[in-house]
Amino acid sequence: MVNLTERIKELMDKKKWTCYELSAQTGISTNAIYDWFKIGATPSLGNVVRICDAMGISLEQFFCGATSYQLSVEEKEVLDQWFALSDLEKAEIMHLIETFRIIKNNA
């Protein structure tokens, strides 16, 4: 399991950011940031998202590291559309993809 404060510190070190800089970039109070490191308070998921946005990384990269896959703009668009579909529509899309695989393998 990822230790949130250790991961935040690791990312801050890579950016050469102080707690003050992280606060300025995210809008999270410096007191909250100091509490994470000094008294072991746990950052909320909302604050982790703000940190990711400020650092230009995804939540996946935050939790999995730099080796995670970067989605292209087209892939992000497909995923956005996918999440808006009903279960029936998703099943139909998966059936269509399987049909394309069969056609491709028989060609």
PDB file of N, CA and C in Angstrom:
ATOM      1  N   MET A   1       0.844  -1.184   0.000  1.00  0.00           N
ATOM      2  CA  MET A   1       0.000   0.000   0.000  1.00  0.00           C
ATOM      3  C   MET A   1       0.884   1.240   0.000  1.00  0.00           C
ATOM      4  N   VAL A   2       0.488   2.223  -0.748  1.00  0.00           N
ATOM      5  CA  VAL A   2       1.262   3.450  -0.892  1.00  0.00           C
ATOM      6  C   VAL A   2       1.095   4.315   0.356  1.00  0.00           C
ATOM      7  N   ASN A   3       2.212   4.764   0.912  1.00  0.00           N
ATOM      8  CA  ASN A   3       2.174   5.740   1.988  1.00  0.00           C
ATOM      9  C   ASN A   3       2.020   7.106   1.319  1.00  0.00           C
ATOM     10  N   LEU A   4       0.869   7.737   1.531  1.00  0.00           N
ATOM     11  CA  LEU A   4       0.558   8.977   0.811  1.00  0.00           C
ATOM     12  C   LEU A   4       1.581  10.068   1.071  1.00  0.00           C
ATOM     13  N   THR A   5       1.932  10.276   2.325  1.00  0.00           N
ATOM     14  CA  THR A   5       2.857  11.369   2.613  1.00  0.00           C
ATOM     15  C   THR A   5       4.255  11.094   2.052  1.00  0.00           C
ATOM     16  N   GLU A   6       4.682   9.836   2.089  1.00  0.00           N
ATOM     17  CA  GLU A   6       5.983   9.512   1.490  1.00  0.00           C
ATOM     18  C   GLU A   6       5.961   9.759  -0.014  1.00  0.00           C
ATOM     19  N   ARG A   7       4.859   9.391  -0.657  1.00  0.00           N
ATOM     20  CA  ARG A   7       4.754   9.598  -2.106  1.00  0.00           C
ATOM     21  C   ARG A   7       4.714  11.086  -2.436  1.00  0.00           C
ATOM     22  N   ILE A   8       3.978  11.860  -1.651  1.00  0.00           N
ATOM     23  CA  ILE A   8       3.927  13.313  -1.870  1.00  0.00           C
ATOM     24  C   ILE A   8       5.315  13.905  -1.704  1.00  0.00           C
ATOM     25  N   LYS A   9       6.023  13.491  -0.664  1.00  0.00           N
ATOM     26  CA  LYS A   9       7.385  13.997  -0.426  1.00  0.00           C
ATOM     27  C   LYS A   9       8.307  13.634  -1.582  1.00  0.00           C
ATOM     28  N   GLU A  10       8.185  12.398  -2.080  1.00  0.00           N
ATOM     29  CA  GLU A  10       8.993  11.961  -3.226  1.00  0.00           C
ATOM     30  C   GLU A  10       8.733  12.849  -4.442  1.00  0.00           C
ATOM     31  N   LEU A  11       7.462  13.128  -4.711  1.00  0.00           N
ATOM     32  CA  LEU A  11       7.117  13.973  -5.861  1.00  0.00           C
ATOM     33  C   LEU A  11       7.563  15.415  -5.651  1.00  0.00           C
ATOM     34  N   MET A  12       7.441  15.905  -4.427  1.00  0.00           N
ATOM     35  CA  MET A  12       7.919  17.259  -4.124  1.00  0.00           C
ATOM     36  C   MET A  12       9.424  17.353  -4.354  1.00  0.00           C
ATOM     37  N   ASP A  13      10.156  16.343  -3.924  1.00  0.00           N
ATOM     38  CA  ASP A  13      11.608  16.332  -4.108  1.00  0.00           C
ATOM     39  C   ASP A  13      11.971  16.357  -5.594  1.00  0.00           C
ATOM     40  N   LYS A  14      11.236  15.587  -6.400  1.00  0.00           N
ATOM     41  CA  LYS A  14      11.515  15.565  -7.840  1.00  0.00           C
ATOM     42  C   LYS A  14      11.300  16.935  -8.471  1.00  0.00           C
ATOM     43  N   LYS A  15      10.270  17.644  -7.983  1.00  0.00           N
ATOM     44  CA  LYS A  15       9.974  18.981  -8.512  1.00  0.00           C
ATOM     45  C   LYS A  15      10.787  20.071  -7.821  1.00  0.00           C
ATOM     46  N   LYS A  16      11.494  19.658  -6.740  1.00  0.00           N
ATOM     47  CA  LYS A  16      12.226  20.613  -5.907  1.00  0.00           C
ATOM     48  C   LYS A  16      11.273  21.649  -5.293  1.00  0.00           C
ATOM     49  N   TRP A  17      10.094  21.156  -4.880  1.00  0.00           N
ATOM     50  CA  TRP A  17       9.087  22.006  -4.256  1.00  0.00           C
ATOM     51  C   TRP A  17       9.179  21.912  -2.743  1.00  0.00           C
ATOM     52  N   THR A  18       9.029  23.040  -2.103  1.00  0.00           N
ATOM     53  CA  THR A  18       8.888  23.089  -0.652  1.00  0.00           C
ATOM     54  C   THR A  18       7.404  22.928  -0.318  1.00  0.00           C
ATOM     55  N   CYS A  19       7.104  22.824   0.970  1.00  0.00           N
ATOM     56  CA  CYS A  19       5.699  22.780   1.386  1.00  0.00           C
ATOM     57  C   CYS A  19       4.980  24.057   0.945  1.00  0.00           C
ATOM     58  N   TYR A  20       5.682  25.173   1.024  1.00  0.00           N
ATOM     59  CA  TYR A  20       5.099  26.446   0.598  1.00  0.00           C
ATOM     60  C   TYR A  20       4.765  26.416  -0.889  1.00  0.00           C
ATOM     61  N   GLU A  21       5.676  25.903  -1.705  1.00  0.00           N
ATOM     62  CA  GLU A  21       5.436  25.827  -3.153  1.00  0.00           C
ATOM     63  C   GLU A  21       4.272  24.888  -3.461  1.00  0.00           C
ATOM     64  N   LEU A  22       4.216  23.752  -2.781  1.00  0.00           N
ATOM     65  CA  LEU A  22       3.099  22.827  -2.980  1.00  0.00           C
ATOM     66  C   LEU A  22       1.786  23.518  -2.633  1.00  0.00           C
ATOM     67  N   SER A  23       1.789  24.263  -1.557  1.00  0.00           N
ATOM     68  CA  SER A  23       0.599  25.006  -1.158  1.00  0.00           C
ATOM     69  C   SER A  23       0.201  26.024  -2.225  1.00  0.00           C
ATOM     70  N   ALA A  24       1.181  26.757  -2.727  1.00  0.00           N
ATOM     71  CA  ALA A  24       0.908  27.765  -3.748  1.00  0.00           C
ATOM     72  C   ALA A  24       0.365  27.148  -5.031  1.00  0.00           C
ATOM     73  N   GLN A  25       0.868  25.968  -5.392  1.00  0.00           N
ATOM     74  CA  GLN A  25       0.457  25.316  -6.640  1.00  0.00           C
ATOM     75  C   GLN A  25      -0.901  24.615  -6.525  1.00  0.00           C
ATOM     76  N   THR A  26      -1.281  24.226  -5.298  1.00  0.00           N
ATOM     77  CA  THR A  26      -2.493  23.426  -5.124  1.00  0.00           C
ATOM     78  C   THR A  26      -3.639  24.152  -4.433  1.00  0.00           C
ATOM     79  N   GLY A  27      -3.320  25.201  -3.700  1.00  0.00           N
ATOM     80  CA  GLY A  27      -4.343  25.875  -2.903  1.00  0.00           C
ATOM     81  C   GLY A  27      -4.605  25.185  -1.573  1.00  0.00           C
ATOM     82  N   ILE A  28      -3.834  24.157  -1.270  1.00  0.00           N
ATOM     83  CA  ILE A  28      -3.941  23.473   0.014  1.00  0.00           C
ATOM     84  C   ILE A  28      -3.139  24.282   1.031  1.00  0.00           C
ATOM     85  N   SER A  29      -3.693  24.482   2.212  1.00  0.00           N
ATOM     86  CA  SER A  29      -2.998  25.320   3.195  1.00  0.00           C
ATOM     87  C   SER A  29      -1.659  24.695   3.584  1.00  0.00           C
ATOM     88  N   THR A  30      -0.695  25.557   3.837  1.00  0.00           N
ATOM     89  CA  THR A  30       0.609  25.056   4.272  1.00  0.00           C
ATOM     90  C   THR A  30       0.477  24.335   5.607  1.00  0.00           C
ATOM     91  N   ASN A  31      -0.439  24.781   6.456  1.00  0.00           N
ATOM     92  CA  ASN A  31      -0.638  24.098   7.741  1.00  0.00           C
ATOM     93  C   ASN A  31      -1.067  22.654   7.531  1.00  0.00           C
ATOM     94  N   ALA A  32      -1.973  22.425   6.580  1.00  0.00           N
ATOM     95  CA  ALA A  32      -2.417  21.057   6.298  1.00  0.00           C
ATOM     96  C   ALA A  32      -1.248  20.220   5.798  1.00  0.00           C
ATOM     97  N   ILE A  33      -0.444  20.786   4.927  1.00  0.00           N
ATOM     98  CA  ILE A  33       0.701  20.055   4.376  1.00  0.00           C
ATOM     99  C   ILE A  33       1.706  19.734   5.476  1.00  0.00           C
ATOM    100  N   TYR A  34       2.002  20.712   6.327  1.00  0.00           N
ATOM    101  CA  TYR A  34       2.919  20.459   7.442  1.00  0.00           C
ATOM    102  C   TYR A  34       2.365  19.373   8.358  1.00  0.00           C
ATOM    103  N   ASP A  35       1.049  19.374   8.574  1.00  0.00           N
ATOM    104  CA  ASP A  35       0.438  18.346   9.435  1.00  0.00           C
ATOM    105  C   ASP A  35       0.657  16.947   8.872  1.00  0.00           C
ATOM    106  N   TRP A  36       0.629  16.801   7.551  1.00  0.00           N
ATOM    107  CA  TRP A  36       0.861  15.487   6.946  1.00  0.00           C
ATOM    108  C   TRP A  36       2.237  14.957   7.342  1.00  0.00           C
ATOM    109  N   PHE A  37       3.217  15.849   7.308  1.00  0.00           N
ATOM    110  CA  PHE A  37       4.594  15.435   7.547  1.00  0.00           C
ATOM    111  C   PHE A  37       4.980  15.426   9.023  1.00  0.00           C
ATOM    112  N   LYS A  38       4.414  16.329   9.808  1.00  0.00           N
ATOM    113  CA  LYS A  38       4.827  16.472  11.207  1.00  0.00           C
ATOM    114  C   LYS A  38       4.037  15.577  12.154  1.00  0.00           C
ATOM    115  N   ILE A  39       2.711  15.500  11.974  1.00  0.00           N
ATOM    116  CA  ILE A  39       1.915  14.737  12.942  1.00  0.00           C
ATOM    117  C   ILE A  39       1.253  13.509  12.330  1.00  0.00           C
ATOM    118  N   GLY A  40       1.564  13.255  11.076  1.00  0.00           N
ATOM    119  CA  GLY A  40       1.058  12.043  10.442  1.00  0.00           C
ATOM    120  C   GLY A  40      -0.390  12.107  10.000  1.00  0.00           C
ATOM    121  N   ALA A  41      -0.924  13.315   9.826  1.00  0.00           N
ATOM    122  CA  ALA A  41      -2.281  13.439   9.297  1.00  0.00           C
ATOM    123  C   ALA A  41      -2.319  12.853   7.886  1.00  0.00           C
ATOM    124  N   THR A  42      -3.476  12.391   7.470  1.00  0.00           N
ATOM    125  CA  THR A  42      -3.611  11.759   6.154  1.00  0.00           C
ATOM    126  C   THR A  42      -4.276  12.718   5.176  1.00  0.00           C
ATOM    127  N   PRO A  43      -3.661  12.956   4.022  1.00  0.00           N
ATOM    128  CA  PRO A  43      -4.283  13.819   3.013  1.00  0.00           C
ATOM    129  C   PRO A  43      -5.570  13.172   2.487  1.00  0.00           C
ATOM    130  N   SER A  44      -6.566  13.990   2.225  1.00  0.00           N
ATOM    131  CA  SER A  44      -7.807  13.480   1.642  1.00  0.00           C
ATOM    132  C   SER A  44      -7.573  13.139   0.170  1.00  0.00           C
ATOM    133  N   LEU A  45      -8.463  12.334  -0.383  1.00  0.00           N
ATOM    134  CA  LEU A  45      -8.354  12.011  -1.806  1.00  0.00           C
ATOM    135  C   LEU A  45      -8.475  13.282  -2.643  1.00  0.00           C
ATOM    136  N   GLY A  46      -9.338  14.194  -2.217  1.00  0.00           N
ATOM    137  CA  GLY A  46      -9.466  15.464  -2.929  1.00  0.00           C
ATOM    138  C   GLY A  46      -8.155  16.222  -2.986  1.00  0.00           C
ATOM    139  N   ASN A  47      -7.416  16.212  -1.883  1.00  0.00           N
ATOM    140  CA  ASN A  47      -6.112  16.887  -1.874  1.00  0.00           C
ATOM    141  C   ASN A  47      -5.096  16.143  -2.727  1.00  0.00           C
ATOM    142  N   VAL A  48      -5.163  14.818  -2.744  1.00  0.00           N
ATOM    143  CA  VAL A  48      -4.272  14.049  -3.619  1.00  0.00           C
ATOM    144  C   VAL A  48      -4.559  14.399  -5.079  1.00  0.00           C
ATOM    145  N   VAL A  49      -5.827  14.530  -5.429  1.00  0.00           N
ATOM    146  CA  VAL A  49      -6.196  14.926  -6.796  1.00  0.00           C
ATOM    147  C   VAL A  49      -5.639  16.302  -7.111  1.00  0.00           C
ATOM    148  N   ARG A  50      -5.748  17.236  -6.192  1.00  0.00           N
ATOM    149  CA  ARG A  50      -5.214  18.590  -6.409  1.00  0.00           C
ATOM    150  C   ARG A  50      -3.698  18.550  -6.616  1.00  0.00           C
ATOM    151  N   ILE A  51      -3.025  17.711  -5.851  1.00  0.00           N
ATOM    152  CA  ILE A  51      -1.572  17.566  -5.997  1.00  0.00           C
ATOM    153  C   ILE A  51      -1.241  16.996  -7.370  1.00  0.00           C
ATOM    154  N   CYS A  52      -1.979  15.972  -7.778  1.00  0.00           N
ATOM    155  CA  CYS A  52      -1.752  15.374  -9.103  1.00  0.00           C
ATOM    156  C   CYS A  52      -1.957  16.408 -10.204  1.00  0.00           C
ATOM    157  N   ASP A  53      -3.027  17.181 -10.097  1.00  0.00           N
ATOM    158  CA  ASP A  53      -3.294  18.216 -11.102  1.00  0.00           C
ATOM    159  C   ASP A  53      -2.148  19.222 -11.160  1.00  0.00           C
ATOM    160  N   ALA A  54      -1.689  19.656  -9.999  1.00  0.00           N
ATOM    161  CA  ALA A  54      -0.610  20.650  -9.954  1.00  0.00           C
ATOM    162  C   ALA A  54       0.697  20.087 -10.504  1.00  0.00           C
ATOM    163  N   MET A  55       0.922  18.808 -10.302  1.00  0.00           N
ATOM    164  CA  MET A  55       2.170  18.191 -10.750  1.00  0.00           C
ATOM    165  C   MET A  55       2.078  17.622 -12.163  1.00  0.00           C
ATOM    166  N   GLY A  56       0.874  17.693 -12.747  1.00  0.00           N
ATOM    167  CA  GLY A  56       0.707  17.219 -14.119  1.00  0.00           C
ATOM    168  C   GLY A  56       0.782  15.711 -14.244  1.00  0.00           C
ATOM    169  N   ILE A  57       0.295  15.002 -13.221  1.00  0.00           N
ATOM    170  CA  ILE A  57       0.289  13.544 -13.273  1.00  0.00           C
ATOM    171  C   ILE A  57      -1.126  13.028 -13.005  1.00  0.00           C
ATOM    172  N   SER A  58      -1.365  11.800 -13.376  1.00  0.00           N
ATOM    173  CA  SER A  58      -2.660  11.180 -13.121  1.00  0.00           C
ATOM    174  C   SER A  58      -2.651  10.519 -11.745  1.00  0.00           C
ATOM    175  N   LEU A  59      -3.839  10.180 -11.251  1.00  0.00           N
ATOM    176  CA  LEU A  59      -3.913   9.425 -10.005  1.00  0.00           C
ATOM    177  C   LEU A  59      -3.191   8.084 -10.147  1.00  0.00           C
ATOM    178  N   GLU A  60      -3.307   7.484 -11.313  1.00  0.00           N
ATOM    179  CA  GLU A  60      -2.613   6.219 -11.559  1.00  0.00           C
ATOM    180  C   GLU A  60      -1.110   6.390 -11.393  1.00  0.00           C
ATOM    181  N   GLN A  61      -0.572   7.466 -11.942  1.00  0.00           N
ATOM    182  CA  GLN A  61       0.862   7.714 -11.804  1.00  0.00           C
ATOM    183  C   GLN A  61       1.227   7.987 -10.345  1.00  0.00           C
ATOM    184  N   PHE A  62       0.350   8.673  -9.634  1.00  0.00           N
ATOM    185  CA  PHE A  62       0.606   8.923  -8.215  1.00  0.00           C
ATOM    186  C   PHE A  62       0.733   7.603  -7.466  1.00  0.00           C
ATOM    187  N   PHE A  63      -0.226   6.704  -7.693  1.00  0.00           N
ATOM    188  CA  PHE A  63      -0.250   5.464  -6.932  1.00  0.00           C
ATOM    189  C   PHE A  63       0.649   4.374  -7.501  1.00  0.00           C
ATOM    190  N   CYS A  64       0.900   4.381  -8.810  1.00  0.00           N
ATOM    191  CA  CYS A  64       1.668   3.297  -9.432  1.00  0.00           C
ATOM    192  C   CYS A  64       3.080   3.696  -9.825  1.00  0.00           C
ATOM    193  N   GLY A  65       3.373   4.970  -9.864  1.00  0.00           N
ATOM    194  CA  GLY A  65       4.702   5.415 -10.225  1.00  0.00           C
ATOM    195  C   GLY A  65       4.793   5.871 -11.660  1.00  0.00           C
ATOM    196  N   ALA A  66       5.969   6.249 -12.051  1.00  0.00           N
ATOM    197  CA  ALA A  66       6.210   6.867 -13.355  1.00  0.00           C
ATOM    198  C   ALA A  66       6.093   5.903 -14.513  1.00  0.00           C
ATOM    199  N   THR A  67       6.107   4.604 -14.243  1.00  0.00           N
ATOM    200  CA  THR A  67       6.090   3.654 -15.349  1.00  0.00           C
ATOM    201  C   THR A  67       4.684   3.363 -15.865  1.00  0.00           C
ATOM    202  N   SER A  68       3.685   3.988 -15.253  1.00  0.00           N
ATOM    203  CA  SER A  68       2.322   3.718 -15.705  1.00  0.00           C
ATOM    204  C   SER A  68       2.101   4.296 -17.105  1.00  0.00           C
ATOM    205  N   TYR A  69       1.150   3.754 -17.784  1.00  0.00           N
ATOM    206  CA  TYR A  69       0.863   4.090 -19.169  1.00  0.00           C
ATOM    207  C   TYR A  69       0.173   5.445 -19.277  1.00  0.00           C
ATOM    208  N   GLN A  70       0.612   6.263 -20.212  1.00  0.00           N
ATOM    209  CA  GLN A  70      -0.006   7.559 -20.483  1.00  0.00           C
ATOM    210  C   GLN A  70      -1.036   7.399 -21.594  1.00  0.00           C
ATOM    211  N   LEU A  71      -2.280   7.752 -21.311  1.00  0.00           N
ATOM    212  CA  LEU A  71      -3.316   7.679 -22.338  1.00  0.00           C
ATOM    213  C   LEU A  71      -3.166   8.829 -23.316  1.00  0.00           C
ATOM    214  N   SER A  72      -3.426   8.534 -24.592  1.00  0.00           N
ATOM    215  CA  SER A  72      -3.446   9.592 -25.596  1.00  0.00           C
ATOM    216  C   SER A  72      -4.766  10.344 -25.468  1.00  0.00           C
ATOM    217  N   VAL A  73      -4.867  11.460 -26.139  1.00  0.00           N
ATOM    218  CA  VAL A  73      -6.107  12.243 -26.140  1.00  0.00           C
ATOM    219  C   VAL A  73      -7.253  11.402 -26.685  1.00  0.00           C
ATOM    220  N   GLU A  74      -6.987  10.649 -27.738  1.00  0.00           N
ATOM    221  CA  GLU A  74      -8.012   9.794 -28.338  1.00  0.00           C
ATOM    222  C   GLU A  74      -8.468   8.709 -27.358  1.00  0.00           C
ATOM    223  N   GLU A  75      -7.521   8.097 -26.643  1.00  0.00           N
ATOM    224  CA  GLU A  75      -7.873   7.055 -25.673  1.00  0.00           C
ATOM    225  C   GLU A  75      -8.693   7.629 -24.515  1.00  0.00           C
ATOM    226  N   LYS A  76      -8.330   8.819 -24.064  1.00  0.00           N
ATOM    227  CA  LYS A  76      -9.102   9.470 -22.994  1.00  0.00           C
ATOM    228  C   LYS A  76     -10.525   9.741 -23.460  1.00  0.00           C
ATOM    229  N   GLU A  77     -10.669  10.183 -24.707  1.00  0.00           N
ATOM    230  CA  GLU A  77     -12.000  10.458 -25.258  1.00  0.00           C
ATOM    231  C   GLU A  77     -12.832   9.179 -25.304  1.00  0.00           C
ATOM    232  N   VAL A  78     -12.220   8.069 -25.738  1.00  0.00           N
ATOM    233  CA  VAL A  78     -12.933   6.792 -25.787  1.00  0.00           C
ATOM    234  C   VAL A  78     -13.383   6.388 -24.384  1.00  0.00           C
ATOM    235  N   LEU A  79     -12.500   6.529 -23.401  1.00  0.00           N
ATOM    236  CA  LEU A  79     -12.867   6.173 -22.027  1.00  0.00           C
ATOM    237  C   LEU A  79     -13.980   7.061 -21.488  1.00  0.00           C
ATOM    238  N   ASP A  80     -13.920   8.345 -21.788  1.00  0.00           N
ATOM    239  CA  ASP A  80     -14.992   9.246 -21.359  1.00  0.00           C
ATOM    240  C   ASP A  80     -16.331   8.809 -21.940  1.00  0.00           C
ATOM    241  N   GLN A  81     -16.327   8.437 -23.217  1.00  0.00           N
ATOM    242  CA  GLN A  81     -17.551   7.966 -23.860  1.00  0.00           C
ATOM    243  C   GLN A  81     -17.995   6.639 -23.249  1.00  0.00           C
ATOM    244  N   TRP A  82     -17.044   5.746 -22.975  1.00  0.00           N
ATOM    245  CA  TRP A  82     -17.341   4.427 -22.403  1.00  0.00           C
ATOM    246  C   TRP A  82     -18.092   4.562 -21.075  1.00  0.00           C
ATOM    247  N   PHE A  83     -17.608   5.451 -20.206  1.00  0.00           N
ATOM    248  CA  PHE A  83     -18.210   5.595 -18.886  1.00  0.00           C
ATOM    249  C   PHE A  83     -19.634   6.139 -18.959  1.00  0.00           C
ATOM    250  N   ALA A  84     -19.981   6.776 -20.065  1.00  0.00           N
ATOM    251  CA  ALA A  84     -21.335   7.319 -20.224  1.00  0.00           C
ATOM    252  C   ALA A  84     -22.317   6.275 -20.753  1.00  0.00           C
ATOM    253  N   LEU A  85     -21.829   5.114 -21.172  1.00  0.00           N
ATOM    254  CA  LEU A  85     -22.695   4.087 -21.752  1.00  0.00           C
ATOM    255  C   LEU A  85     -23.407   3.269 -20.676  1.00  0.00           C
ATOM    256  N   SER A  86     -24.552   2.722 -21.055  1.00  0.00           N
ATOM    257  CA  SER A  86     -25.254   1.791 -20.169  1.00  0.00           C
ATOM    258  C   SER A  86     -24.561   0.431 -20.245  1.00  0.00           C
ATOM    259  N   ASP A  87     -24.922  -0.481 -19.344  1.00  0.00           N
ATOM    260  CA  ASP A  87     -24.345  -1.823 -19.365  1.00  0.00           C
ATOM    261  C   ASP A  87     -24.662  -2.539 -20.673  1.00  0.00           C
ATOM    262  N   LEU A  88     -25.861  -2.361 -21.171  1.00  0.00           N
ATOM    263  CA  LEU A  88     -26.253  -2.982 -22.440  1.00  0.00           C
ATOM    264  C   LEU A  88     -25.413  -2.429 -23.591  1.00  0.00           C
ATOM    265  N   GLU A  89     -25.225  -1.128 -23.616  1.00  0.00           N
ATOM    266  CA  GLU A  89     -24.418  -0.511 -24.676  1.00  0.00           C
ATOM    267  C   GLU A  89     -22.960  -0.989 -24.601  1.00  0.00           C
ATOM    268  N   LYS A  90     -22.429  -1.118 -23.388  1.00  0.00           N
ATOM    269  CA  LYS A  90     -21.062  -1.621 -23.227  1.00  0.00           C
ATOM    270  C   LYS A  90     -20.951  -3.052 -23.749  1.00  0.00           C
ATOM    271  N   ALA A  91     -21.958  -3.869 -23.458  1.00  0.00           N
ATOM    272  CA  ALA A  91     -21.949  -5.256 -23.935  1.00  0.00           C
ATOM    273  C   ALA A  91     -21.962  -5.294 -25.453  1.00  0.00           C
ATOM    274  N   GLU A  92     -22.737  -4.436 -26.070  1.00  0.00           N
ATOM    275  CA  GLU A  92     -22.803  -4.382 -27.539  1.00  0.00           C
ATOM    276  C   GLU A  92     -21.468  -3.946 -28.132  1.00  0.00           C
ATOM    277  N   ILE A  93     -20.829  -2.980 -27.512  1.00  0.00           N
ATOM    278  CA  ILE A  93     -19.509  -2.520 -27.979  1.00  0.00           C
ATOM    279  C   ILE A  93     -18.500  -3.665 -27.873  1.00  0.00           C
ATOM    280  N   MET A  94     -18.518  -4.391 -26.767  1.00  0.00           N
ATOM    281  CA  MET A  94     -17.593  -5.512 -26.590  1.00  0.00           C
ATOM    282  C   MET A  94     -17.868  -6.592 -27.643  1.00  0.00           C
ATOM    283  N   HIS A  95     -19.120  -6.815 -27.962  1.00  0.00           N
ATOM    284  CA  HIS A  95     -19.470  -7.780 -29.009  1.00  0.00           C
ATOM    285  C   HIS A  95     -18.915  -7.305 -30.362  1.00  0.00           C
ATOM    286  N   LEU A  96     -19.045  -6.033 -30.628  1.00  0.00           N
ATOM    287  CA  LEU A  96     -18.525  -5.467 -31.875  1.00  0.00           C
ATOM    288  C   LEU A  96     -16.998  -5.612 -31.941  1.00  0.00           C
ATOM    289  N   ILE A  97     -16.318  -5.354 -30.852  1.00  0.00           N
ATOM    290  CA  ILE A  97     -14.855  -5.501 -30.815  1.00  0.00           C
ATOM    291  C   ILE A  97     -14.465  -6.951 -31.075  1.00  0.00           C
ATOM    292  N   GLU A  98     -15.177  -7.876 -30.460  1.00  0.00           N
ATOM    293  CA  GLU A  98     -14.892  -9.299 -30.674  1.00  0.00           C
ATOM    294  C   GLU A  98     -15.110  -9.671 -32.139  1.00  0.00           C
ATOM    295  N   THR A  99     -16.150  -9.113 -32.755  1.00  0.00           N
ATOM    296  CA  THR A  99     -16.408  -9.366 -34.176  1.00  0.00           C
ATOM    297  C   THR A  99     -15.243  -8.864 -35.029  1.00  0.00           C
ATOM    298  N   PHE A 100     -14.727  -7.687 -34.713  1.00  0.00           N
ATOM    299  CA  PHE A 100     -13.567  -7.154 -35.434  1.00  0.00           C
ATOM    300  C   PHE A 100     -12.341  -8.050 -35.255  1.00  0.00           C
ATOM    301  N   ARG A 101     -12.122  -8.585 -34.059  1.00  0.00           N
ATOM    302  CA  ARG A 101     -11.001  -9.499 -33.818  1.00  0.00           C
ATOM    303  C   ARG A 101     -11.112 -10.752 -34.682  1.00  0.00           C
ATOM    304  N   ILE A 102     -12.322 -11.310 -34.757  1.00  0.00           N
ATOM    305  CA  ILE A 102     -12.540 -12.512 -35.547  1.00  0.00           C
ATOM    306  C   ILE A 102     -12.265 -12.223 -37.016  1.00  0.00           C
ATOM    307  N   ILE A 103     -12.776 -11.117 -37.501  1.00  0.00           N
ATOM    308  CA  ILE A 103     -12.550 -10.737 -38.901  1.00  0.00           C
ATOM    309  C   ILE A 103     -11.064 -10.565 -39.174  1.00  0.00           C
ATOM    310  N   LYS A 104     -10.377  -9.881 -38.269  1.00  0.00           N
ATOM    311  CA  LYS A 104      -8.944  -9.623 -38.429  1.00  0.00           C
ATOM    312  C   LYS A 104      -8.150 -10.935 -38.432  1.00  0.00           C
ATOM    313  N   ASN A 105      -8.493 -11.849 -37.546  1.00  0.00           N
ATOM    314  CA  ASN A 105      -7.776 -13.124 -37.459  1.00  0.00           C
ATOM    315  C   ASN A 105      -8.049 -14.034 -38.648  1.00  0.00           C
ATOM    316  N   ASN A 106      -9.184 -13.868 -39.295  1.00  0.00           N
ATOM    317  CA  ASN A 106      -9.524 -14.697 -40.463  1.00  0.00           C
ATOM    318  C   ASN A 106      -9.071 -14.085 -41.773  1.00  0.00           C
ATOM    319  N   ALA A 107      -8.572 -12.885 -41.726  1.00  0.00           N
ATOM    320  CA  ALA A 107      -8.156 -12.206 -42.965  1.00  0.00           C
ATOM    321  C   ALA A 107      -6.805 -12.667 -43.442  1.00  0.00           C
TER     322      ALA A 107
END
